[in-house]
N, C-alpha and C. Protein backbone atom coordinates (compact mmCIF):
# COMPACT_ATOMS: atom_id res chain seq x y z
N MET A 1 -89.84 154.62 54.70
CA MET A 1 -88.79 154.84 55.11
C MET A 1 -88.34 156.20 55.75
N GLU A 2 -89.44 156.79 55.67
CA GLU A 2 -89.37 158.62 56.51
C GLU A 2 -88.67 158.40 57.39
N GLY A 3 -90.23 157.67 58.16
CA GLY A 3 -90.74 157.40 60.07
C GLY A 3 -88.71 157.07 59.94
N ILE A 4 -87.87 156.09 59.31
CA ILE A 4 -86.64 155.52 59.65
C ILE A 4 -85.55 156.65 59.72
N ALA A 5 -85.97 157.23 58.56
CA ALA A 5 -84.83 158.25 58.14
C ALA A 5 -84.63 159.29 59.40
N HIS A 6 -86.02 159.53 59.86
CA HIS A 6 -86.93 160.80 60.92
C HIS A 6 -85.99 160.10 62.13
N ALA A 7 -86.03 159.12 62.71
CA ALA A 7 -86.18 158.46 63.69
C ALA A 7 -84.01 158.61 63.51
N LEU A 8 -83.26 157.99 62.58
CA LEU A 8 -82.27 158.30 62.36
C LEU A 8 -81.47 159.20 62.48
N ARG A 9 -82.19 160.36 61.88
CA ARG A 9 -81.28 161.79 61.81
C ARG A 9 -81.13 162.36 63.39
N GLY A 10 -82.86 162.25 64.10
CA GLY A 10 -82.60 162.90 64.98
C GLY A 10 -81.81 162.14 66.37
N LYS A 11 -81.57 160.54 66.38
CA LYS A 11 -80.83 159.87 67.13
C LYS A 11 -79.31 160.36 67.00
N ARG A 12 -78.87 161.20 65.67
CA ARG A 12 -77.87 161.04 65.02
C ARG A 12 -77.29 162.73 65.61
N VAL A 13 -78.11 163.28 65.49
CA VAL A 13 -78.01 164.90 66.36
C VAL A 13 -78.12 164.69 67.81
N ALA A 14 -78.37 164.05 68.13
CA ALA A 14 -78.83 164.26 69.88
C ALA A 14 -77.61 163.58 70.27
N MET A 15 -77.07 162.32 69.48
CA MET A 15 -75.27 161.98 69.64
C MET A 15 -74.57 163.32 69.37
N VAL A 16 -75.19 164.27 68.78
CA VAL A 16 -73.63 165.33 68.74
C VAL A 16 -72.84 164.74 67.28
N HIS A 17 -73.43 164.40 66.43
CA HIS A 17 -72.36 163.71 65.79
C HIS A 17 -72.57 163.78 64.18
N THR A 18 -71.73 164.27 63.52
CA THR A 18 -72.35 164.98 62.40
C THR A 18 -72.33 163.78 61.38
N GLN A 19 -72.69 164.09 60.10
CA GLN A 19 -72.68 163.40 59.11
C GLN A 19 -71.70 162.34 59.02
N ASN A 20 -70.68 162.97 58.89
CA ASN A 20 -69.10 162.32 58.07
C ASN A 20 -68.99 161.72 59.17
N GLU A 21 -68.86 162.15 60.69
CA GLU A 21 -68.46 161.36 62.04
C GLU A 21 -69.41 160.20 61.85
N LEU A 22 -70.70 160.03 61.65
CA LEU A 22 -71.42 158.86 61.51
C LEU A 22 -71.33 158.23 60.17
N ALA A 23 -70.89 158.82 59.26
CA ALA A 23 -70.29 157.54 58.30
C ALA A 23 -68.95 156.84 58.72
N SER A 24 -68.10 157.68 59.07
CA SER A 24 -66.91 156.97 59.49
C SER A 24 -67.41 155.91 60.65
N ARG A 25 -67.56 156.03 61.33
CA ARG A 25 -68.23 154.65 62.43
C ARG A 25 -68.87 153.91 61.81
N ALA A 26 -69.60 153.96 60.97
CA ALA A 26 -70.72 152.94 60.04
C ALA A 26 -70.35 152.58 58.89
N ASN A 27 -68.81 153.22 58.59
CA ASN A 27 -68.20 152.76 57.31
C ASN A 27 -68.76 152.71 56.12
N VAL A 28 -69.48 153.98 56.18
CA VAL A 28 -70.07 153.92 54.97
C VAL A 28 -69.79 155.49 54.50
N SER A 29 -69.98 156.17 52.84
CA SER A 29 -69.84 157.78 52.73
C SER A 29 -70.48 158.74 53.62
N LYS A 30 -70.63 159.77 53.61
CA LYS A 30 -71.29 161.07 53.92
C LYS A 30 -72.44 160.84 53.44
N LEU A 31 -72.51 160.84 51.96
CA LEU A 31 -73.77 161.13 50.84
C LEU A 31 -73.62 159.47 51.09
N THR A 32 -74.08 158.74 51.57
CA THR A 32 -74.34 157.52 52.05
C THR A 32 -75.60 157.78 53.21
N ILE A 33 -75.37 158.31 54.16
CA ILE A 33 -75.65 159.11 55.82
C ILE A 33 -77.16 160.38 54.70
N HIS A 34 -76.73 161.18 54.11
CA HIS A 34 -77.81 162.02 53.32
C HIS A 34 -78.32 161.77 52.94
N ASN A 35 -78.03 160.34 52.04
CA ASN A 35 -79.44 159.58 51.43
C ASN A 35 -80.14 159.45 52.46
N LEU A 36 -79.69 158.13 53.05
CA LEU A 36 -80.49 157.88 54.58
C LEU A 36 -81.36 158.68 55.26
N GLU A 37 -80.83 159.59 55.49
CA GLU A 37 -81.49 160.63 55.98
C GLU A 37 -82.46 161.73 55.83
N ALA A 38 -82.42 161.60 54.50
CA ALA A 38 -83.17 162.41 53.04
C ALA A 38 -84.23 161.52 52.43
N GLY A 39 -84.53 159.94 53.50
CA GLY A 39 -85.37 158.75 52.68
C GLY A 39 -85.47 158.02 51.45
N LYS A 40 -84.08 158.37 50.89
CA LYS A 40 -83.67 157.54 49.63
C LYS A 40 -83.55 156.55 50.58
N SER A 41 -83.45 155.41 48.68
CA SER A 41 -83.21 154.10 49.48
C SER A 41 -81.77 154.27 49.69
N VAL A 42 -81.46 153.23 50.58
CA VAL A 42 -80.05 152.17 50.79
C VAL A 42 -80.13 151.05 50.76
N HIS A 43 -79.03 150.42 50.67
CA HIS A 43 -78.91 148.88 50.97
C HIS A 43 -79.52 148.61 52.66
N LEU A 44 -80.13 147.10 52.65
CA LEU A 44 -80.33 146.99 54.10
C LEU A 44 -79.38 146.58 54.43
N ASP A 45 -78.28 146.30 54.51
CA ASP A 45 -76.81 146.14 55.23
C ASP A 45 -76.53 147.05 55.86
N THR A 46 -76.40 148.34 55.04
CA THR A 46 -76.06 150.13 55.23
C THR A 46 -76.92 150.57 56.12
N LEU A 47 -78.10 150.13 56.20
CA LEU A 47 -79.20 151.26 57.04
C LEU A 47 -79.02 150.24 58.30
N ILE A 48 -78.64 148.72 58.21
CA ILE A 48 -78.38 147.68 59.58
C ILE A 48 -77.24 148.16 60.16
N ASP A 49 -76.13 148.41 59.51
CA ASP A 49 -74.65 148.89 60.31
C ASP A 49 -75.00 150.34 60.69
N VAL A 50 -75.61 151.20 60.27
CA VAL A 50 -76.67 152.92 60.84
C VAL A 50 -77.04 152.75 61.96
N ALA A 51 -77.60 152.10 61.93
CA ALA A 51 -78.73 151.85 63.25
C ALA A 51 -78.23 150.95 64.22
N ARG A 52 -77.18 150.06 63.80
CA ARG A 52 -75.85 149.36 64.91
C ARG A 52 -75.49 150.95 65.70
N VAL A 53 -75.36 151.64 64.97
CA VAL A 53 -73.72 152.32 65.71
C VAL A 53 -74.99 153.25 66.58
N LEU A 54 -75.69 154.13 65.60
CA LEU A 54 -76.72 154.71 66.78
C LEU A 54 -77.69 153.26 67.43
N GLY A 55 -77.08 152.62 67.51
CA GLY A 55 -78.50 152.09 69.40
C GLY A 55 -79.66 152.14 68.81
N LEU A 56 -79.99 151.80 67.42
CA LEU A 56 -81.24 152.22 67.00
C LEU A 56 -82.12 150.44 65.82
N ALA A 57 -81.09 149.45 66.19
CA ALA A 57 -81.15 148.44 65.73
C ALA A 57 -82.74 147.98 66.01
N HIS A 58 -83.12 148.02 67.27
CA HIS A 58 -84.24 147.30 67.91
C HIS A 58 -85.35 148.18 67.27
N ARG A 59 -85.05 149.44 66.56
CA ARG A 59 -86.04 150.23 65.88
C ARG A 59 -86.72 149.53 64.53
N LEU A 60 -85.57 149.10 64.07
CA LEU A 60 -85.55 148.20 62.31
C LEU A 60 -86.35 146.95 62.85
N VAL A 61 -86.30 146.05 63.69
CA VAL A 61 -86.82 145.42 64.03
C VAL A 61 -88.46 145.30 63.97
N LYS A 62 -89.08 146.34 64.95
CA LYS A 62 -90.41 147.09 65.15
C LYS A 62 -90.67 147.47 63.84
N ALA A 63 -90.03 148.04 63.08
CA ALA A 63 -90.34 148.55 61.77
C ALA A 63 -90.38 147.62 60.82
N PHE A 64 -89.80 146.48 60.55
CA PHE A 64 -90.26 145.30 59.59
C PHE A 64 -90.81 144.15 60.64
N SER A 65 -90.82 144.73 61.60
CA SER A 65 -92.34 143.09 62.06
C SER A 65 -93.90 143.04 61.54
N SER A 66 -94.11 144.69 60.78
CA SER A 66 -95.18 144.94 60.43
C SER A 66 -95.32 144.19 58.89
N THR A 67 -94.24 143.79 58.09
CA THR A 67 -94.31 142.68 57.17
C THR A 67 -94.37 141.64 56.71
N GLU A 68 -95.26 140.73 56.35
CA GLU A 68 -95.53 139.42 56.42
C GLU A 68 -94.45 138.41 56.98
N ASP A 69 -93.16 139.20 56.78
CA ASP A 69 -92.67 138.16 57.36
C ASP A 69 -92.04 138.67 59.67
N THR A 70 -91.95 137.52 59.82
CA THR A 70 -92.09 137.53 61.27
C THR A 70 -90.25 138.13 61.95
N PHE A 71 -90.18 139.33 62.63
CA PHE A 71 -88.46 139.39 62.67
C PHE A 71 -88.71 139.41 64.39
N THR A 72 -87.73 138.81 65.11
CA THR A 72 -87.85 138.68 66.27
C THR A 72 -86.84 139.63 67.05
N GLY A 73 -85.57 139.78 66.11
CA GLY A 73 -84.51 140.71 66.46
C GLY A 73 -83.52 140.76 65.40
N LEU A 74 -82.50 141.40 65.64
CA LEU A 74 -82.04 142.00 65.42
C LEU A 74 -80.86 140.84 64.44
N GLU A 75 -81.07 139.37 64.69
CA GLU A 75 -80.49 138.44 64.26
C GLU A 75 -81.36 137.76 63.00
N ASP A 76 -82.62 138.17 62.84
CA ASP A 76 -83.24 137.92 61.91
C ASP A 76 -83.58 138.68 60.78
N LEU A 77 -83.17 139.89 60.96
CA LEU A 77 -83.08 140.75 60.09
C LEU A 77 -81.26 140.55 59.65
N GLU A 78 -80.01 139.99 60.15
CA GLU A 78 -79.04 140.06 59.67
C GLU A 78 -79.26 138.35 59.20
N ARG A 79 -80.00 137.69 58.95
CA ARG A 79 -80.33 136.45 58.22
C ARG A 79 -80.48 137.21 56.85
N VAL A 80 -81.30 138.07 56.53
CA VAL A 80 -82.45 138.35 55.57
C VAL A 80 -81.28 139.12 54.98
N ARG A 81 -80.30 139.66 55.37
CA ARG A 81 -79.09 140.25 54.92
C ARG A 81 -78.24 139.40 54.18
N GLU A 82 -77.69 138.33 54.93
CA GLU A 82 -76.75 137.26 54.52
C GLU A 82 -77.52 136.65 53.06
N THR A 83 -78.79 135.97 53.64
CA THR A 83 -79.72 135.24 52.43
C THR A 83 -79.47 136.27 51.59
N ARG A 84 -79.71 137.55 51.07
CA ARG A 84 -79.61 138.24 49.77
C ARG A 84 -78.03 138.34 49.37
N LYS A 85 -76.88 138.36 50.56
CA LYS A 85 -75.58 138.14 49.80
C LYS A 85 -75.05 137.37 49.38
N ARG A 86 -76.02 135.93 49.77
CA ARG A 86 -75.52 134.23 49.18
C ARG A 86 -76.45 134.46 47.97
N GLY A 87 -77.87 134.67 48.25
CA GLY A 87 -78.94 134.44 47.28
C GLY A 87 -79.38 133.55 47.68
N ARG A 88 -79.31 132.40 48.61
CA ARG A 88 -79.85 131.58 49.00
C ARG A 88 -80.63 131.85 50.21
N VAL A 89 -81.49 131.02 50.77
CA VAL A 89 -81.59 130.55 52.05
C VAL A 89 -80.60 129.71 53.08
N PRO A 90 -80.60 130.51 54.12
CA PRO A 90 -79.31 129.45 54.84
C PRO A 90 -80.36 128.15 55.63
N ALA A 91 -79.14 127.53 55.92
CA ALA A 91 -80.17 126.02 56.77
C ALA A 91 -80.16 126.47 57.87
């Protein structure tokens, strides 16, 4: 998570966004952005939303592709998010 946290913070700073601005754009709290950048646990959907705002969604796919599941794109991560929300595997 630290690598992802570092990448998200670096991109936010490069885009000249404050934590408040990023939080507003991603529809999360400033504390959530702070926790995310500190490498603390956040919900997968929050991570996806923040990464999407920063244009780093492709980095998530790469990060998750080293697990036993194979992710080929953001759509696969979205499927995982929806599965967790509904508690079942989509058809």
